[in-house]
């Protein structure tokens, strides 16, 4: 065999190996089997704070971004080999925007395909994580899990008094009194508090709509349950937030 032919074969083998490694790595993110093998159930892991994406030193995602999840759902929705979806969740919640985008993508997947979705909680499925799980046909949790925390909050810091004591003054040149509202150097006015509260209330009512549709509550019963607290798995089952308690290896 000539030297050039030998080198070509080696390069081809390395390329094939590299493609195989990429395929395994990509599959490992989501837990789905190769779509060319046959029918399969996809698995998506949602962990950590929703809306935050971490990367390794090579720039690869070590936690899934919202858009990675949405793109993957589009892919499997178009794949006839896919027969359903399993979501494994271990998250305290996160951003309203990201939670809602993932929820909408899951509902679109379900409406387009008619395939089932099952969600499972490991140690925590709270706030935005439960928002996402509400897209599932069935929800399960491990027995030591925290579930629920249905609600929305906004966190702001006010250091205006401390800044005054230190002789620090921060001023804003603004087009109106409510521009730059919520900054830490100016105390919030009652009008501004009411504006922020109206935004929180809107997001909260949408959250209630989603859970009510998913779990079949009447509104008043749901409001009593959805007061921001989290529940143990046993309490969540008693209150109808989950369908069962299961242990997963």
Protein backbone atom coordinates (compact mmCIF):
# COMPACT_ATOMS: atom_id res chain seq x y z
CA UNK A 1 0.00 0.00 0.00
CA UNK A 2 1.36 3.40 -0.93
CA UNK A 3 2.15 5.92 1.80
CA UNK A 4 -0.42 8.47 0.52
CA UNK A 5 -3.18 5.84 0.51
CA UNK A 6 -2.30 4.80 4.05
CA UNK A 7 -2.44 8.42 5.29
CA UNK A 8 -5.81 8.95 3.57
CA UNK A 9 -7.27 5.88 5.31
CA UNK A 10 -5.98 7.02 8.72
CA UNK A 11 -7.47 10.51 8.26
CA UNK A 12 -10.81 9.01 7.18
CA UNK A 13 -10.89 6.78 10.27
CA UNK A 14 -10.12 9.73 12.54
CA UNK A 15 -12.93 11.76 10.96
CA UNK A 16 -15.39 8.90 11.46
CA UNK A 17 -14.29 8.56 15.09
CA UNK A 18 -14.65 12.32 15.65
CA UNK A 19 -18.19 12.33 14.23
CA UNK A 20 -19.05 9.39 16.48
CA UNK A 21 -17.78 11.19 19.57
CA UNK A 22 -19.78 14.33 18.72
CA UNK A 23 -22.89 12.20 18.24
CA UNK A 24 -22.45 10.49 21.60
CA UNK A 25 -21.80 13.79 23.37
CA UNK A 26 -24.87 15.41 21.84
CA UNK A 27 -27.00 12.40 22.73
CA UNK A 28 -25.64 12.51 26.27
CA UNK A 29 -26.97 16.04 26.78
CA UNK A 30 -30.53 14.95 26.15
CA UNK A 31 -30.48 11.20 26.67
CA UNK A 32 -32.15 10.49 23.33
CA UNK A 33 -31.16 7.48 21.26
CA UNK A 34 -29.87 7.76 17.72
CA UNK A 35 -32.88 8.53 15.53
CA UNK A 36 -31.65 6.08 12.87
CA UNK A 37 -31.78 3.05 15.19
CA UNK A 38 -35.56 2.90 15.63
CA UNK A 39 -38.33 4.11 17.90
CA UNK A 40 -37.17 5.89 21.06
CA UNK A 41 -38.25 8.06 23.99
CA UNK A 42 -36.26 11.28 24.35
CA UNK A 43 -34.96 12.43 27.72
CA UNK A 44 -34.24 16.05 28.63
CA UNK A 45 -32.49 17.06 31.84
CA UNK A 46 -33.39 20.44 33.33
CA UNK A 47 -31.08 21.27 36.23
CA UNK A 48 -29.90 24.38 38.03
CA UNK A 49 -31.33 27.85 37.65
CA UNK A 50 -33.52 28.10 34.55
CA UNK A 51 -32.21 30.75 32.19
CA UNK A 52 -28.57 30.40 33.20
CA UNK A 53 -26.18 28.44 31.00
CA UNK A 54 -22.73 27.30 32.12
CA UNK A 55 -19.84 26.31 29.85
CA UNK A 56 -16.67 24.27 30.15
CA UNK A 57 -13.22 25.55 29.19
CA UNK A 58 -13.82 24.55 25.57
CA UNK A 59 -17.00 26.62 25.31
CA UNK A 60 -19.36 23.64 25.36
CA UNK A 61 -22.62 23.85 27.30
CA UNK A 62 -22.55 21.95 30.59
CA UNK A 63 -26.13 22.97 31.38
CA UNK A 64 -28.78 23.37 28.73
CA UNK A 65 -29.80 26.79 27.51
CA UNK A 66 -33.42 27.62 26.81
CA UNK A 67 -32.81 27.78 23.08
CA UNK A 68 -30.94 24.46 23.04
CA UNK A 69 -33.98 22.80 24.60
CA UNK A 70 -36.42 24.51 22.23
CA UNK A 71 -34.33 23.61 19.18
CA UNK A 72 -34.10 19.99 20.33
CA UNK A 73 -37.88 19.82 20.78
CA UNK A 74 -38.31 21.05 17.20
CA UNK A 75 -35.96 18.30 15.99
CA UNK A 76 -37.68 15.42 17.76
CA UNK A 77 -41.14 16.72 16.85
CA UNK A 78 -40.14 16.32 13.19
CA UNK A 79 -38.68 12.84 13.78
CA UNK A 80 -41.23 10.04 13.27
CA UNK A 81 -39.03 7.67 15.29
CA UNK A 82 -39.59 9.69 18.43
CA UNK A 83 -42.52 8.33 20.47
CA UNK A 84 -42.54 10.56 23.54
CA UNK A 85 -40.58 12.67 25.99
CA UNK A 86 -39.32 12.22 29.55
CA UNK A 87 -38.23 15.37 31.44
CA UNK A 88 -35.98 14.89 34.45
CA UNK A 89 -35.98 18.01 36.64
CA UNK A 90 -33.76 19.17 39.48
CA UNK A 91 -34.20 22.93 39.65
CA UNK A 92 -35.26 25.69 42.07
CA UNK A 93 -36.80 27.64 39.17
CA UNK A 94 -35.52 30.70 37.37
CA UNK A 95 -36.46 33.44 34.94
CA UNK A 96 -40.09 33.90 33.89
CA UNK A 97 -39.13 34.36 30.24
CA UNK A 98 -37.09 31.15 29.99
CA UNK A 99 -39.58 29.05 31.94
CA UNK A 100 -42.40 30.21 29.68
CA UNK A 101 -40.41 29.64 26.46
CA UNK A 102 -39.66 26.05 27.43
CA UNK A 103 -43.27 25.48 28.53
CA UNK A 104 -44.58 26.81 25.20
CA UNK A 105 -42.11 24.66 23.24
CA UNK A 106 -43.24 21.57 25.17
CA UNK A 107 -46.91 22.35 24.54
CA UNK A 108 -46.20 22.89 20.84
CA UNK A 109 -44.38 19.54 20.69
CA UNK A 110 -47.36 17.82 22.32
CA UNK A 111 -49.96 19.55 20.14
CA UNK A 112 -48.07 18.86 16.91
CA UNK A 113 -47.28 15.22 17.64
CA UNK A 114 -49.86 13.97 20.14
CA UNK A 115 -47.01 12.19 21.91
CA UNK A 116 -46.94 11.87 25.72
CA UNK A 117 -44.74 13.86 28.08
CA UNK A 118 -43.81 12.66 31.57
CA UNK A 119 -41.94 14.84 34.09
CA UNK A 120 -39.96 13.55 37.05
CA UNK A 121 -38.50 15.52 39.96
CA UNK A 122 -35.25 14.51 41.65
CA UNK A 123 -34.55 16.78 44.66
CA UNK A 124 -36.36 19.96 43.62
CA UNK A 125 -39.05 21.11 41.19
CA UNK A 126 -40.01 24.59 42.30
CA UNK A 127 -41.37 27.80 40.79
CA UNK A 128 -40.30 27.98 37.12
CA UNK A 129 -39.38 24.29 37.16
CA UNK A 130 -42.95 23.38 38.15
CA UNK A 131 -44.17 25.86 35.51
CA UNK A 132 -42.31 23.76 32.91
CA UNK A 133 -43.48 20.46 34.40
CA UNK A 134 -47.08 21.61 33.99
CA UNK A 135 -46.74 20.84 30.27
CA UNK A 136 -46.43 17.13 31.13
CA UNK A 137 -49.27 14.62 31.04
CA UNK A 138 -48.00 13.09 34.28
CA UNK A 139 -45.70 14.43 37.01
CA UNK A 140 -43.76 12.31 39.51
CA UNK A 141 -41.29 13.08 42.29
CA UNK A 142 -38.83 11.27 44.51
CA UNK A 143 -39.97 10.98 48.11
CA UNK A 144 -37.51 13.56 49.51
CA UNK A 145 -38.22 16.16 46.83
CA UNK A 146 -39.40 19.75 47.26
CA UNK A 147 -42.25 20.58 44.88
CA UNK A 148 -44.29 23.67 44.11
CA UNK A 149 -43.34 27.18 45.25
CA UNK A 150 -45.93 28.45 42.78
CA UNK A 151 -45.52 32.19 42.56
CA UNK A 152 -43.43 35.04 41.19
CA UNK A 153 -41.17 37.54 42.91
CA UNK A 154 -38.87 40.41 42.04
CA UNK A 155 -35.81 41.27 44.09
CA UNK A 156 -34.44 44.81 44.44
CA UNK A 157 -31.86 46.36 46.71
CA UNK A 158 -32.23 49.80 48.29
CA UNK A 159 -28.97 51.30 49.58
CA UNK A 160 -30.15 54.90 49.43
CA UNK A 161 -29.96 55.42 53.23
CA UNK A 162 -26.52 53.83 53.47
CA UNK A 163 -25.27 55.89 50.53
CA UNK A 164 -26.57 59.04 52.24
CA UNK A 165 -24.73 58.21 55.46
CA UNK A 166 -21.52 57.68 53.49
CA UNK A 167 -21.99 60.95 51.65
CA UNK A 168 -22.58 59.22 48.33
CA UNK A 169 -25.19 60.68 46.02
CA UNK A 170 -26.19 59.11 42.74
CA UNK A 171 -28.48 61.12 40.48
CA UNK A 172 -30.26 60.17 37.25
CA UNK A 173 -31.01 62.52 34.40
CA UNK A 174 -34.21 60.96 33.15
CA UNK A 175 -37.10 61.58 30.82
CA UNK A 176 -39.70 60.83 33.51
CA UNK A 177 -39.90 59.93 37.19
CA UNK A 178 -40.40 56.24 36.47
CA UNK A 179 -37.42 55.89 34.16
CA UNK A 180 -34.66 53.97 36.00
CA UNK A 181 -37.14 53.00 38.71
CA UNK A 182 -35.98 50.15 40.88
CA UNK A 183 -32.37 51.29 40.97
CA UNK A 184 -30.63 50.75 44.30
CA UNK A 185 -29.75 54.40 44.96
CA UNK A 186 -33.26 55.88 44.93
CA UNK A 187 -36.01 54.81 47.31
CA UNK A 188 -39.01 53.34 45.48
CA UNK A 189 -42.14 55.46 45.35
CA UNK A 190 -45.61 54.04 46.01
CA UNK A 191 -46.47 54.53 42.34
CA UNK A 192 -43.40 52.57 41.27
CA UNK A 193 -44.17 49.79 43.73
CA UNK A 194 -47.68 49.55 42.28
CA UNK A 195 -46.25 49.32 38.75
CA UNK A 196 -43.93 46.46 39.70
CA UNK A 197 -46.73 44.74 41.63
CA UNK A 198 -48.98 44.84 38.55
CA UNK A 199 -46.27 43.06 36.55
CA UNK A 200 -45.84 40.40 39.23
CA UNK A 201 -49.61 39.91 39.43
CA UNK A 202 -49.87 39.38 35.66
CA UNK A 203 -47.12 36.75 35.65
CA UNK A 204 -48.68 35.04 38.68
CA UNK A 205 -52.13 34.84 37.10
CA UNK A 206 -50.59 33.30 33.98
CA UNK A 207 -48.81 30.76 36.19
CA UNK A 208 -52.15 29.90 37.83
CA UNK A 209 -53.78 29.52 34.40
CA UNK A 210 -51.13 27.00 33.37
CA UNK A 211 -51.32 24.94 36.56
CA UNK A 212 -55.13 25.03 36.57
CA UNK A 213 -55.23 23.76 33.00
CA UNK A 214 -52.66 21.05 33.73
CA UNK A 215 -53.95 19.77 37.07
CA UNK A 216 -57.69 20.50 36.88
CA UNK A 217 -58.05 22.68 39.98
CA UNK A 218 -60.79 25.20 40.59
CA UNK A 219 -59.26 28.67 40.97
CA UNK A 220 -59.90 29.25 44.66
CA UNK A 221 -58.49 25.86 45.70
CA UNK A 222 -55.43 26.52 43.58
CA UNK A 223 -54.88 29.98 45.11
CA UNK A 224 -54.76 28.42 48.58
CA UNK A 225 -52.15 25.90 47.43
CA UNK A 226 -50.17 28.35 45.28
CA UNK A 227 -49.10 30.73 48.04
CA UNK A 228 -45.38 30.49 47.27
CA UNK A 229 -44.53 27.64 49.62
CA UNK A 230 -42.90 24.40 48.53
CA UNK A 231 -44.27 21.00 49.54
CA UNK A 232 -42.75 17.65 50.34
CA UNK A 233 -43.50 14.94 47.81
CA UNK A 234 -46.14 13.48 50.12
CA UNK A 235 -47.81 16.88 50.56
CA UNK A 236 -47.59 17.58 46.83
CA UNK A 237 -49.33 14.28 46.11
CA UNK A 238 -52.05 15.02 48.67
CA UNK A 239 -52.60 18.46 47.12
CA UNK A 240 -52.72 17.10 43.56
CA UNK A 241 -49.53 18.75 42.33
CA UNK A 242 -48.02 15.41 41.30
CA UNK A 243 -49.36 12.02 40.19
CA UNK A 244 -47.16 9.80 42.26
CA UNK A 245 -43.94 9.25 44.22
CA UNK A 246 -41.31 7.16 42.46
CA UNK A 247 -37.65 6.45 43.00
CA UNK A 248 -35.30 6.48 40.02
CA UNK A 249 -31.84 4.97 39.83
